[in-house]
Amino acid sequence: MSEGNNSDNKGFNESLNNFYAQRQRADQEKTGETGEVSQSIASKMPPKIDMESPDNFQSRMQQETDPDLIVGYEVVDLPSKGLFYPDRLNKVKIEYLTSRDEDILTTPSLIQDGTVLDVILKRKIKSPQNLDVSKLLTGDKNALILFLRASSYGQDYEVQVNDPRDGKPSFTETVNLLKLDHKEISENPDENGHFTVDLPMRKKIVKFRLLSSGEEQQLQKRAESIQEAYGHDFSEYSTMKLKAHIVQIGDKTDRSYIDRFVDAMPVKDTFTIRRKILDVSPDIDMTYEFKAKDGYKFKAALTVGVDFFFPSL
């Protein structure tokens, strides 16, 4: 839910990466370029404290009876409406973020490997229990992440807006995150969770499915590994993702045939499939109506910056 609906949820991870980089630079200014803490500074540092494990903390909190010591929660509707899950999951009970969760949001290793949001969601989702967040569609995860941000740091989010008439950053506007609604989906999947699209060039009917957020992350890592291993100047992620979406071309379901077909597919056909995938993918509609200083109104995609989870920066 970064820039528009055509993203792969990179905006949030990038925001956290940027935040950690800023914090690391600030730490380096205090400790010096070598990163070594001086003896005078070290002597002023507080002693180490034995911390309670997260699992024990969660268990103890669930047994509390004092309302001031209980973490609240909400039930959040999923944009997919349960149409893509075997159990028809369409709602999730999710807790509010706490001070301990901010520690997770700033953990470098989780940020760097792209799992920080999955760890947060796994901790915060209370029902259904033991939900595998990697099996959620990206759009459903976006809805849960948006809820956590709005409920934790407030519904107002200030952004700098480019006026489409000249393309220059011309004004700032406070966006009400609660006004962001689910995308309108005009077509539902068949009983197998598949969609069909007609190719204008090859005159074939293609069946495809939506990928889970976990599948998209695995493809992203695989594409990065291939790029690094072969020293390519480009990533094959987009084509690899398209191949993974497609389950049938005409009457053929053979994976080898599908891969070779996609490799030789005209751009007009690939664009047609990608456009259809975007249109039928449940998500948060990030389109927002802005108003320029002179009263000119226009709609544009809301973008997420470094201050999305840390508005005080």
C-alpha atoms as a PDB file:
ATOM      1  CA  MET A   1       0.000   0.000   0.000  1.00  0.00           C
ATOM      2  CA  SER A   2       2.636   2.398  -0.971  1.00  0.00           C
ATOM      3  CA  GLU A   3       2.078   4.307  -4.164  1.00  0.00           C
ATOM      4  CA  GLY A   4      -1.356   3.644  -5.603  1.00  0.00           C
ATOM      5  CA  ASN A   5      -2.822   0.165  -5.883  1.00  0.00           C
ATOM      6  CA  ASN A   6      -0.177  -1.123  -8.253  1.00  0.00           C
ATOM      7  CA  SER A   7       2.451  -1.554  -5.545  1.00  0.00           C
ATOM      8  CA  ASP A   8       3.627  -4.692  -3.713  1.00  0.00           C
ATOM      9  CA  ASN A   9       3.395  -3.238  -0.240  1.00  0.00           C
ATOM     10  CA  LYS A  10       6.926  -1.830  -0.327  1.00  0.00           C
ATOM     11  CA  GLY A  11       5.932   1.572   1.086  1.00  0.00           C
ATOM     12  CA  PHE A  12       5.708   0.484   4.704  1.00  0.00           C
ATOM     13  CA  ASN A  13       9.006  -1.430   4.696  1.00  0.00           C
ATOM     14  CA  GLU A  14      10.728   1.478   2.968  1.00  0.00           C
ATOM     15  CA  SER A  15       9.327   3.847   5.612  1.00  0.00           C
ATOM     16  CA  LEU A  16      10.770   1.717   8.397  1.00  0.00           C
ATOM     17  CA  ASN A  17      14.110   1.357   6.587  1.00  0.00           C
ATOM     18  CA  ASN A  18      14.340   5.125   6.247  1.00  0.00           C
ATOM     19  CA  PHE A  19      13.476   5.607   9.902  1.00  0.00           C
ATOM     20  CA  TYR A  20      16.134   3.135  11.036  1.00  0.00           C
ATOM     21  CA  ALA A  21      18.726   4.783   8.800  1.00  0.00           C
ATOM     22  CA  GLN A  22      17.953   8.149  10.394  1.00  0.00           C
ATOM     23  CA  ARG A  23      18.224   6.689  13.888  1.00  0.00           C
ATOM     24  CA  GLN A  24      21.508   4.945  13.007  1.00  0.00           C
ATOM     25  CA  ARG A  25      23.002   8.211  11.713  1.00  0.00           C
ATOM     26  CA  ALA A  26      21.984   9.952  14.939  1.00  0.00           C
ATOM     27  CA  ASP A  27      23.650   7.201  16.978  1.00  0.00           C
ATOM     28  CA  GLN A  28      26.835   7.505  14.928  1.00  0.00           C
ATOM     29  CA  GLU A  29      26.988  11.244  15.595  1.00  0.00           C
ATOM     30  CA  LYS A  30      26.903  10.493  19.318  1.00  0.00           C
ATOM     31  CA  THR A  31      29.449   7.671  19.276  1.00  0.00           C
ATOM     32  CA  GLY A  32      31.810   8.887  16.546  1.00  0.00           C
ATOM     33  CA  GLU A  33      32.495   7.448  13.098  1.00  0.00           C
ATOM     34  CA  THR A  34      34.025   4.260  14.525  1.00  0.00           C
ATOM     35  CA  GLY A  35      30.805   3.463  16.343  1.00  0.00           C
ATOM     36  CA  GLU A  36      32.708   3.068  19.650  1.00  0.00           C
ATOM     37  CA  VAL A  37      31.096   4.574  22.740  1.00  0.00           C
ATOM     38  CA  SER A  38      33.487   6.720  24.743  1.00  0.00           C
ATOM     39  CA  GLN A  39      34.258   5.783  28.339  1.00  0.00           C
ATOM     40  CA  SER A  40      32.568   8.918  29.703  1.00  0.00           C
ATOM     41  CA  ILE A  41      29.388   8.184  27.785  1.00  0.00           C
ATOM     42  CA  ALA A  42      29.483   4.498  28.672  1.00  0.00           C
ATOM     43  CA  SER A  43      29.708   5.347  32.369  1.00  0.00           C
ATOM     44  CA  LYS A  44      26.440   7.257  32.105  1.00  0.00           C
ATOM     45  CA  MET A  45      24.576   4.474  30.355  1.00  0.00           C
ATOM     46  CA  PRO A  46      21.910   2.704  32.447  1.00  0.00           C
ATOM     47  CA  PRO A  47      22.567  -0.864  33.598  1.00  0.00           C
ATOM     48  CA  LYS A  48      21.131  -3.751  31.615  1.00  0.00           C
ATOM     49  CA  ILE A  49      17.720  -4.926  32.744  1.00  0.00           C
ATOM     50  CA  ASP A  50      16.404  -8.460  32.459  1.00  0.00           C
ATOM     51  CA  MET A  51      13.447  -8.180  30.089  1.00  0.00           C
ATOM     52  CA  GLU A  52      10.402 -10.410  30.104  1.00  0.00           C
ATOM     53  CA  SER A  53      10.080 -12.566  27.010  1.00  0.00           C
ATOM     54  CA  PRO A  54       7.371 -11.487  24.511  1.00  0.00           C
ATOM     55  CA  ASP A  55       5.541 -14.815  24.881  1.00  0.00           C
ATOM     56  CA  ASN A  56       5.387 -14.530  28.671  1.00  0.00           C
ATOM     57  CA  PHE A  57       4.315 -10.909  28.401  1.00  0.00           C
ATOM     58  CA  GLN A  58       1.486 -11.766  26.010  1.00  0.00           C
ATOM     59  CA  SER A  59       0.304 -14.632  28.236  1.00  0.00           C
ATOM     60  CA  ARG A  60       0.341 -12.457  31.359  1.00  0.00           C
ATOM     61  CA  MET A  61      -1.510  -9.618  29.657  1.00  0.00           C
ATOM     62  CA  GLN A  62      -4.268 -11.977  28.542  1.00  0.00           C
ATOM     63  CA  GLN A  63      -4.879 -12.882  32.193  1.00  0.00           C
ATOM     64  CA  GLU A  64      -5.186  -9.293  33.402  1.00  0.00           C
ATOM     65  CA  THR A  65      -8.548  -8.089  34.722  1.00  0.00           C
ATOM     66  CA  ASP A  66      -7.719  -4.413  35.307  1.00  0.00           C
ATOM     67  CA  PRO A  67      -9.121  -2.577  32.218  1.00  0.00           C
ATOM     68  CA  ASP A  68      -6.157  -0.191  32.254  1.00  0.00           C
ATOM     69  CA  LEU A  69      -3.804  -3.141  31.842  1.00  0.00           C
ATOM     70  CA  ILE A  70      -5.688  -4.837  29.015  1.00  0.00           C
ATOM     71  CA  VAL A  71      -4.833  -4.212  25.371  1.00  0.00           C
ATOM     72  CA  GLY A  72      -7.926  -3.188  23.391  1.00  0.00           C
ATOM     73  CA  TYR A  73      -8.869  -4.519  19.980  1.00  0.00           C
ATOM     74  CA  GLU A  74     -11.170  -3.979  17.005  1.00  0.00           C
ATOM     75  CA  VAL A  75     -12.742  -6.232  14.387  1.00  0.00           C
ATOM     76  CA  VAL A  76     -11.533  -5.219  10.918  1.00  0.00           C
ATOM     77  CA  ASP A  77     -13.298  -6.181   7.688  1.00  0.00           C
ATOM     78  CA  LEU A  78     -11.056  -7.572   4.937  1.00  0.00           C
ATOM     79  CA  PRO A  79     -11.297  -6.134   1.392  1.00  0.00           C
ATOM     80  CA  SER A  80     -11.398  -9.684  -0.056  1.00  0.00           C
ATOM     81  CA  LYS A  81     -14.662 -10.417   1.803  1.00  0.00           C
ATOM     82  CA  GLY A  82     -13.433 -13.965   2.312  1.00  0.00           C
ATOM     83  CA  LEU A  83     -13.834 -14.912  -1.363  1.00  0.00           C
ATOM     84  CA  PHE A  84     -10.269 -16.223  -1.694  1.00  0.00           C
ATOM     85  CA  TYR A  85      -9.887 -18.292   1.474  1.00  0.00           C
ATOM     86  CA  PRO A  86     -11.115 -21.857   2.055  1.00  0.00           C
ATOM     87  CA  ASP A  87     -12.644 -20.879   5.405  1.00  0.00           C
ATOM     88  CA  ARG A  88     -14.216 -17.707   3.940  1.00  0.00           C
ATOM     89  CA  LEU A  89     -12.325 -15.511   6.386  1.00  0.00           C
ATOM     90  CA  ASN A  90     -13.728 -11.979   6.046  1.00  0.00           C
ATOM     91  CA  LYS A  91     -13.065 -10.377   9.439  1.00  0.00           C
ATOM     92  CA  VAL A  92     -10.077 -10.283  11.779  1.00  0.00           C
ATOM     93  CA  LYS A  93      -9.895  -9.343  15.460  1.00  0.00           C
ATOM     94  CA  ILE A  94      -6.744  -7.270  15.889  1.00  0.00           C
ATOM     95  CA  GLU A  95      -5.216  -5.543  18.915  1.00  0.00           C
ATOM     96  CA  TYR A  96      -4.000  -1.963  19.069  1.00  0.00           C
ATOM     97  CA  LEU A  97      -0.250  -1.340  18.926  1.00  0.00           C
ATOM     98  CA  THR A  98       1.548  -0.916  22.245  1.00  0.00           C
ATOM     99  CA  SER A  99       4.901   0.541  23.284  1.00  0.00           C
ATOM    100  CA  ARG A 100       6.448  -2.941  23.055  1.00  0.00           C
ATOM    101  CA  ASP A 101       5.350  -3.204  19.434  1.00  0.00           C
ATOM    102  CA  GLU A 102       7.345  -0.088  18.559  1.00  0.00           C
ATOM    103  CA  ASP A 103      10.454  -2.028  19.563  1.00  0.00           C
ATOM    104  CA  ILE A 104       9.594  -4.537  16.847  1.00  0.00           C
ATOM    105  CA  LEU A 105       8.950  -1.818  14.269  1.00  0.00           C
ATOM    106  CA  THR A 106      12.503  -0.524  14.779  1.00  0.00           C
ATOM    107  CA  THR A 107      14.304  -3.896  14.869  1.00  0.00           C
ATOM    108  CA  PRO A 108      16.950  -3.691  12.084  1.00  0.00           C
ATOM    109  CA  SER A 109      17.048  -7.401  11.204  1.00  0.00           C
ATOM    110  CA  LEU A 110      13.267  -7.578  10.752  1.00  0.00           C
ATOM    111  CA  ILE A 111      13.266  -4.434   8.636  1.00  0.00           C
ATOM    112  CA  GLN A 112      16.123  -5.594   6.441  1.00  0.00           C
ATOM    113  CA  ASP A 113      14.637  -8.989   5.645  1.00  0.00           C
ATOM    114  CA  GLY A 114      11.165  -7.522   5.045  1.00  0.00           C
ATOM    115  CA  THR A 115       9.370  -9.487   7.769  1.00  0.00           C
ATOM    116  CA  VAL A 116       8.699  -6.698  10.275  1.00  0.00           C
ATOM    117  CA  LEU A 117       5.063  -6.206   9.253  1.00  0.00           C
ATOM    118  CA  ASP A 118       4.352  -9.936   9.294  1.00  0.00           C
ATOM    119  CA  VAL A 119       5.804 -10.187  12.807  1.00  0.00           C
ATOM    120  CA  ILE A 120       3.632  -7.282  13.974  1.00  0.00           C
ATOM    121  CA  LEU A 121       0.483  -8.742  12.413  1.00  0.00           C
ATOM    122  CA  LYS A 122       1.185 -12.189  13.869  1.00  0.00           C
ATOM    123  CA  ARG A 123       1.438 -10.622  17.335  1.00  0.00           C
ATOM    124  CA  LYS A 124      -1.596  -8.396  16.975  1.00  0.00           C
ATOM    125  CA  ILE A 125      -4.136 -10.697  15.287  1.00  0.00           C
ATOM    126  CA  LYS A 126      -6.137 -12.396  18.045  1.00  0.00           C
ATOM    127  CA  SER A 127      -8.815 -14.127  15.986  1.00  0.00           C
ATOM    128  CA  PRO A 128      -8.698 -16.425  14.153  1.00  0.00           C
ATOM    129  CA  GLN A 129      -5.931 -17.870  16.289  1.00  0.00           C
ATOM    130  CA  ASN A 130      -2.716 -19.084  14.659  1.00  0.00           C
ATOM    131  CA  LEU A 131      -3.583 -17.299  11.413  1.00  0.00           C
ATOM    132  CA  ASP A 132      -0.749 -17.610   8.893  1.00  0.00           C
ATOM    133  CA  VAL A 133      -0.430 -13.984   7.756  1.00  0.00           C
ATOM    134  CA  SER A 134       1.660 -15.032   4.747  1.00  0.00           C
ATOM    135  CA  LYS A 135      -1.480 -16.626   3.281  1.00  0.00           C
ATOM    136  CA  LEU A 136      -3.376 -13.337   3.363  1.00  0.00           C
ATOM    137  CA  LEU A 137      -3.719 -11.335   0.169  1.00  0.00           C
ATOM    138  CA  THR A 138      -1.595  -8.201   0.087  1.00  0.00           C
ATOM    139  CA  GLY A 139      -4.713  -6.020   0.011  1.00  0.00           C
ATOM    140  CA  ASP A 140      -6.055  -7.632   3.191  1.00  0.00           C
ATOM    141  CA  LYS A 141      -2.722  -7.072   4.951  1.00  0.00           C
ATOM    142  CA  ASN A 142      -2.807  -3.457   3.792  1.00  0.00           C
ATOM    143  CA  ALA A 143      -6.209  -2.991   5.453  1.00  0.00           C
ATOM    144  CA  LEU A 144      -4.894  -4.362   8.755  1.00  0.00           C
ATOM    145  CA  ILE A 145      -1.737  -2.233   8.600  1.00  0.00           C
ATOM    146  CA  LEU A 146      -3.769   0.879   7.826  1.00  0.00           C
ATOM    147  CA  PHE A 147      -5.949   0.177  10.868  1.00  0.00           C
ATOM    148  CA  LEU A 148      -2.897  -0.210  13.111  1.00  0.00           C
ATOM    149  CA  ARG A 149      -1.459   3.087  11.932  1.00  0.00           C
ATOM    150  CA  ALA A 150      -4.710   5.081  12.206  1.00  0.00           C
ATOM    151  CA  SER A 151      -5.605   3.638  15.621  1.00  0.00           C
ATOM    152  CA  SER A 152      -2.095   4.136  17.007  1.00  0.00           C
ATOM    153  CA  TYR A 153      -0.920   7.492  15.681  1.00  0.00           C
ATOM    154  CA  GLY A 154      -4.213   9.072  14.683  1.00  0.00           C
ATOM    155  CA  GLN A 155      -6.270   9.252  11.535  1.00  0.00           C
ATOM    156  CA  ASP A 156      -4.618  12.440  10.256  1.00  0.00           C
ATOM    157  CA  TYR A 157      -1.630  12.079   7.952  1.00  0.00           C
ATOM    158  CA  GLU A 158       0.075  15.139   6.444  1.00  0.00           C
ATOM    159  CA  VAL A 159       1.396  14.754   2.904  1.00  0.00           C
ATOM    160  CA  GLN A 160       3.060  16.989   0.352  1.00  0.00           C
ATOM    161  CA  VAL A 161       1.054  17.113  -2.852  1.00  0.00           C
ATOM    162  CA  ASN A 162       2.179  17.697  -6.441  1.00  0.00           C
ATOM    163  CA  ASP A 163      -0.186  19.859  -8.457  1.00  0.00           C
ATOM    164  CA  PRO A 164      -0.925  17.875 -11.679  1.00  0.00           C
ATOM    165  CA  ARG A 165      -1.054  21.102 -13.664  1.00  0.00           C
ATOM    166  CA  ASP A 166       2.693  21.707 -13.288  1.00  0.00           C
ATOM    167  CA  GLY A 167       3.935  18.589 -11.459  1.00  0.00           C
ATOM    168  CA  LYS A 168       5.634  20.584  -8.730  1.00  0.00           C
ATOM    169  CA  PRO A 169       5.171  20.093  -4.972  1.00  0.00           C
ATOM    170  CA  SER A 170       2.924  23.046  -4.256  1.00  0.00           C
ATOM    171  CA  PHE A 171       1.060  22.448  -1.001  1.00  0.00           C
ATOM    172  CA  THR A 172       0.561  20.171   1.967  1.00  0.00           C
ATOM    173  CA  GLU A 173      -2.720  18.596   3.007  1.00  0.00           C
ATOM    174  CA  THR A 174      -3.837  16.572   5.990  1.00  0.00           C
ATOM    175  CA  VAL A 175      -5.373  13.314   4.816  1.00  0.00           C
ATOM    176  CA  ASN A 176      -7.994  11.550   6.902  1.00  0.00           C
ATOM    177  CA  LEU A 177      -6.877   7.912   6.723  1.00  0.00           C
ATOM    178  CA  LEU A 178     -10.323   6.740   7.802  1.00  0.00           C
ATOM    179  CA  LYS A 179     -11.701   8.055   4.509  1.00  0.00           C
ATOM    180  CA  LEU A 180      -9.680   5.469   2.592  1.00  0.00           C
ATOM    181  CA  ASP A 181     -12.139   2.730   1.704  1.00  0.00           C
ATOM    182  CA  HIS A 182     -11.972  -0.688   0.097  1.00  0.00           C
ATOM    183  CA  LYS A 183     -11.615  -0.864  -3.677  1.00  0.00           C
ATOM    184  CA  GLU A 184     -14.773  -1.547  -5.618  1.00  0.00           C
ATOM    185  CA  ILE A 185     -14.399  -4.973  -7.231  1.00  0.00           C
ATOM    186  CA  SER A 186     -16.776  -5.582 -10.142  1.00  0.00           C
ATOM    187  CA  GLU A 187     -15.944  -9.260 -10.724  1.00  0.00           C
ATOM    188  CA  ASN A 188     -15.798 -12.206  -8.344  1.00  0.00           C
ATOM    189  CA  PRO A 189     -13.667 -15.336  -8.866  1.00  0.00           C
ATOM    190  CA  ASP A 190     -15.129 -18.674  -9.931  1.00  0.00           C
ATOM    191  CA  GLU A 191     -15.537 -21.611  -7.550  1.00  0.00           C
ATOM    192  CA  ASN A 192     -11.796 -22.331  -7.832  1.00  0.00           C
ATOM    193  CA  GLY A 193     -10.782 -18.742  -7.099  1.00  0.00           C
ATOM    194  CA  HIS A 194      -9.810 -18.135 -10.742  1.00  0.00           C
ATOM    195  CA  PHE A 195     -10.454 -15.318 -13.207  1.00  0.00           C
ATOM    196  CA  THR A 196     -10.341 -15.334 -17.006  1.00  0.00           C
ATOM    197  CA  VAL A 197      -9.059 -12.787 -19.506  1.00  0.00           C
ATOM    198  CA  ASP A 198      -9.020 -12.746 -23.333  1.00  0.00           C
ATOM    199  CA  LEU A 199      -5.688 -11.948 -24.958  1.00  0.00           C
ATOM    200  CA  PRO A 200      -6.072  -9.398 -27.783  1.00  0.00           C
ATOM    201  CA  MET A 201      -2.977 -10.509 -29.733  1.00  0.00           C
ATOM    202  CA  ARG A 202      -2.687 -14.274 -29.230  1.00  0.00           C
ATOM    203  CA  LYS A 203      -6.486 -14.771 -29.106  1.00  0.00           C
ATOM    204  CA  LYS A 204      -6.192 -17.115 -26.134  1.00  0.00           C
ATOM    205  CA  ILE A 205      -8.272 -17.335 -22.975  1.00  0.00           C
ATOM    206  CA  VAL A 206      -6.058 -17.204 -19.882  1.00  0.00           C
ATOM    207  CA  LYS A 207      -7.049 -18.297 -16.404  1.00  0.00           C
ATOM    208  CA  PHE A 208      -5.223 -16.773 -13.457  1.00  0.00           C
ATOM    209  CA  ARG A 209      -5.373 -16.634  -9.679  1.00  0.00           C
ATOM    210  CA  LEU A 210      -4.350 -14.033  -7.128  1.00  0.00           C
ATOM    211  CA  LEU A 211      -1.164 -14.621  -5.159  1.00  0.00           C
ATOM    212  CA  SER A 212      -0.872 -14.475  -1.399  1.00  0.00           C
ATOM    213  CA  SER A 213       1.414 -11.904   0.183  1.00  0.00           C
ATOM    214  CA  GLY A 214       3.774 -14.712   1.166  1.00  0.00           C
ATOM    215  CA  GLU A 215       4.014 -15.962  -2.416  1.00  0.00           C
ATOM    216  CA  GLU A 216       4.799 -12.450  -3.625  1.00  0.00           C
ATOM    217  CA  GLN A 217       7.533 -12.075  -1.011  1.00  0.00           C
ATOM    218  CA  GLN A 218       9.085 -15.424  -1.985  1.00  0.00           C
ATOM    219  CA  LEU A 219       9.091 -14.429  -5.653  1.00  0.00           C
ATOM    220  CA  GLN A 220      10.694 -11.097  -4.776  1.00  0.00           C
ATOM    221  CA  LYS A 221      13.513 -12.817  -2.853  1.00  0.00           C
ATOM    222  CA  ARG A 222      14.016 -15.344  -5.637  1.00  0.00           C
ATOM    223  CA  ALA A 223      14.203 -12.591  -8.256  1.00  0.00           C
ATOM    224  CA  GLU A 224      16.761 -10.706  -6.154  1.00  0.00           C
ATOM    225  CA  SER A 225      18.851 -13.872  -5.765  1.00  0.00           C
ATOM    226  CA  ILE A 226      18.823 -14.520  -9.512  1.00  0.00           C
ATOM    227  CA  GLN A 227      19.761 -10.926 -10.278  1.00  0.00           C
ATOM    228  CA  GLU A 228      22.671 -11.067  -7.841  1.00  0.00           C
ATOM    229  CA  ALA A 229      23.852 -14.514  -8.929  1.00  0.00           C
ATOM    230  CA  TYR A 230      23.944 -13.656 -12.649  1.00  0.00           C
ATOM    231  CA  GLY A 231      24.929  -9.999 -12.264  1.00  0.00           C
ATOM    232  CA  HIS A 232      21.894  -8.753 -14.202  1.00  0.00           C
ATOM    233  CA  ASP A 233      21.138  -5.052 -14.397  1.00  0.00           C
ATOM    234  CA  PHE A 234      17.426  -5.796 -14.098  1.00  0.00           C
ATOM    235  CA  SER A 235      15.066  -7.866 -11.981  1.00  0.00           C
ATOM    236  CA  GLU A 236      12.868 -10.610 -13.431  1.00  0.00           C
ATOM    237  CA  TYR A 237      10.298 -10.209 -10.660  1.00  0.00           C
ATOM    238  CA  SER A 238       7.526  -8.800 -12.838  1.00  0.00           C
ATOM    239  CA  THR A 239       7.675 -11.690 -15.331  1.00  0.00           C
ATOM    240  CA  MET A 240       8.116 -14.313 -12.605  1.00  0.00           C
ATOM    241  CA  LYS A 241       5.072 -12.944 -10.806  1.00  0.00           C
ATOM    242  CA  LEU A 242       2.994 -12.999 -13.988  1.00  0.00           C
ATOM    243  CA  LYS A 243       3.905 -16.650 -14.603  1.00  0.00           C
ATOM    244  CA  ALA A 244       2.908 -17.546 -11.045  1.00  0.00           C
ATOM    245  CA  HIS A 245      -0.498 -15.893 -11.500  1.00  0.00           C
ATOM    246  CA  ILE A 246      -1.385 -17.912 -14.625  1.00  0.00           C
ATOM    247  CA  VAL A 247      -2.867 -21.388 -14.121  1.00  0.00           C
ATOM    248  CA  GLN A 248      -4.104 -22.141 -17.637  1.00  0.00           C
ATOM    249  CA  ILE A 249      -3.697 -20.920 -21.226  1.00  0.00           C
ATOM    250  CA  GLY A 250      -6.370 -22.249 -23.565  1.00  0.00           C
ATOM    251  CA  ASP A 251      -6.618 -25.920 -22.573  1.00  0.00           C
ATOM    252  CA  LYS A 252      -2.997 -26.188 -21.405  1.00  0.00           C
ATOM    253  CA  THR A 253      -2.020 -26.259 -17.720  1.00  0.00           C
ATOM    254  CA  ASP A 254       1.579 -27.498 -18.103  1.00  0.00           C
ATOM    255  CA  ARG A 255       3.910 -25.169 -16.192  1.00  0.00           C
ATOM    256  CA  SER A 256       6.687 -25.451 -18.745  1.00  0.00           C
ATOM    257  CA  TYR A 257       4.317 -24.429 -21.541  1.00  0.00           C
ATOM    258  CA  ILE A 258       2.966 -21.500 -19.499  1.00  0.00           C
ATOM    259  CA  ASP A 259       6.472 -20.238 -18.743  1.00  0.00           C
ATOM    260  CA  ARG A 260       7.547 -20.397 -22.393  1.00  0.00           C
ATOM    261  CA  PHE A 261       4.277 -18.813 -23.531  1.00  0.00           C
ATOM    262  CA  VAL A 262       4.761 -15.868 -21.175  1.00  0.00           C
ATOM    263  CA  ASP A 263       8.383 -15.410 -22.290  1.00  0.00           C
ATOM    264  CA  ALA A 264       7.182 -15.000 -25.881  1.00  0.00           C
ATOM    265  CA  MET A 265       4.001 -13.054 -25.095  1.00  0.00           C
ATOM    266  CA  PRO A 266       3.507  -9.670 -26.817  1.00  0.00           C
ATOM    267  CA  VAL A 267       3.533  -6.700 -24.453  1.00  0.00           C
ATOM    268  CA  LYS A 268      -0.064  -5.855 -25.301  1.00  0.00           C
ATOM    269  CA  ASP A 269      -1.153  -9.261 -23.982  1.00  0.00           C
ATOM    270  CA  THR A 270       0.950  -8.992 -20.809  1.00  0.00           C
ATOM    271  CA  PHE A 271      -0.461  -5.522 -20.161  1.00  0.00           C
ATOM    272  CA  THR A 272      -3.993  -6.872 -20.593  1.00  0.00           C
ATOM    273  CA  ILE A 273      -3.419  -9.608 -18.004  1.00  0.00           C
ATOM    274  CA  ARG A 274      -1.712  -7.302 -15.517  1.00  0.00           C
ATOM    275  CA  ARG A 275      -4.491  -4.751 -15.878  1.00  0.00           C
ATOM    276  CA  LYS A 276      -7.097  -7.414 -15.145  1.00  0.00           C
ATOM    277  CA  ILE A 277      -5.138  -8.699 -12.141  1.00  0.00           C
ATOM    278  CA  LEU A 278      -4.994  -5.174 -10.727  1.00  0.00           C
ATOM    279  CA  ASP A 279      -8.697  -4.587 -11.358  1.00  0.00           C
ATOM    280  CA  VAL A 280      -9.852  -7.732  -9.523  1.00  0.00           C
ATOM    281  CA  SER A 281      -7.349  -7.558  -6.636  1.00  0.00           C
ATOM    282  CA  PRO A 282      -9.037  -6.556  -3.356  1.00  0.00           C
ATOM    283  CA  ASP A 283      -7.205  -3.729  -1.613  1.00  0.00           C
ATOM    284  CA  ILE A 284      -7.485  -0.323  -0.010  1.00  0.00           C
ATOM    285  CA  ASP A 285      -8.342   2.398  -2.524  1.00  0.00           C
ATOM    286  CA  MET A 286      -5.483   4.858  -2.064  1.00  0.00           C
ATOM    287  CA  THR A 287      -7.054   7.426  -4.373  1.00  0.00           C
ATOM    288  CA  TYR A 288      -7.759  10.675  -2.530  1.00  0.00           C
ATOM    289  CA  GLU A 289      -9.333  13.963  -3.569  1.00  0.00           C
ATOM    290  CA  PHE A 290      -7.038  16.916  -2.954  1.00  0.00           C
ATOM    291  CA  LYS A 291      -7.788  20.622  -3.110  1.00  0.00           C
ATOM    292  CA  ALA A 292      -5.138  23.098  -4.259  1.00  0.00           C
ATOM    293  CA  LYS A 293      -4.783  26.574  -2.727  1.00  0.00           C
ATOM    294  CA  ASP A 294      -6.738  28.148  -5.569  1.00  0.00           C
ATOM    295  CA  GLY A 295      -9.628  25.733  -5.066  1.00  0.00           C
ATOM    296  CA  TYR A 296      -8.726  23.353  -7.908  1.00  0.00           C
ATOM    297  CA  LYS A 297      -9.759  19.794  -7.001  1.00  0.00           C
ATOM    298  CA  PHE A 298      -8.140  16.639  -8.346  1.00  0.00           C
ATOM    299  CA  LYS A 299      -7.701  12.993  -7.422  1.00  0.00           C
ATOM    300  CA  ALA A 300      -4.307  11.377  -6.966  1.00  0.00           C
ATOM    301  CA  ALA A 301      -2.752   8.310  -5.350  1.00  0.00           C
ATOM    302  CA  LEU A 302      -1.762   8.811  -1.725  1.00  0.00           C
ATOM    303  CA  THR A 303       1.906   8.023  -1.091  1.00  0.00           C
ATOM    304  CA  VAL A 304       3.425   6.821   2.177  1.00  0.00           C
ATOM    305  CA  GLY A 305       6.526   8.471   3.638  1.00  0.00           C
ATOM    306  CA  VAL A 306       8.998   7.832   6.467  1.00  0.00           C
ATOM    307  CA  ASP A 307       6.607   9.340   8.996  1.00  0.00           C
ATOM    308  CA  PHE A 308       3.761   6.887   8.374  1.00  0.00           C
ATOM    309  CA  PHE A 309       4.547   4.832  11.491  1.00  0.00           C
ATOM    310  CA  PHE A 310       6.602   7.563  13.171  1.00  0.00           C
ATOM    311  CA  PRO A 311       4.727  10.861  12.649  1.00  0.00           C
ATOM    312  CA  SER A 312       6.923  12.681  15.174  1.00  0.00           C
ATOM    313  CA  LEU A 313      10.025  12.463  12.946  1.00  0.00           C
END
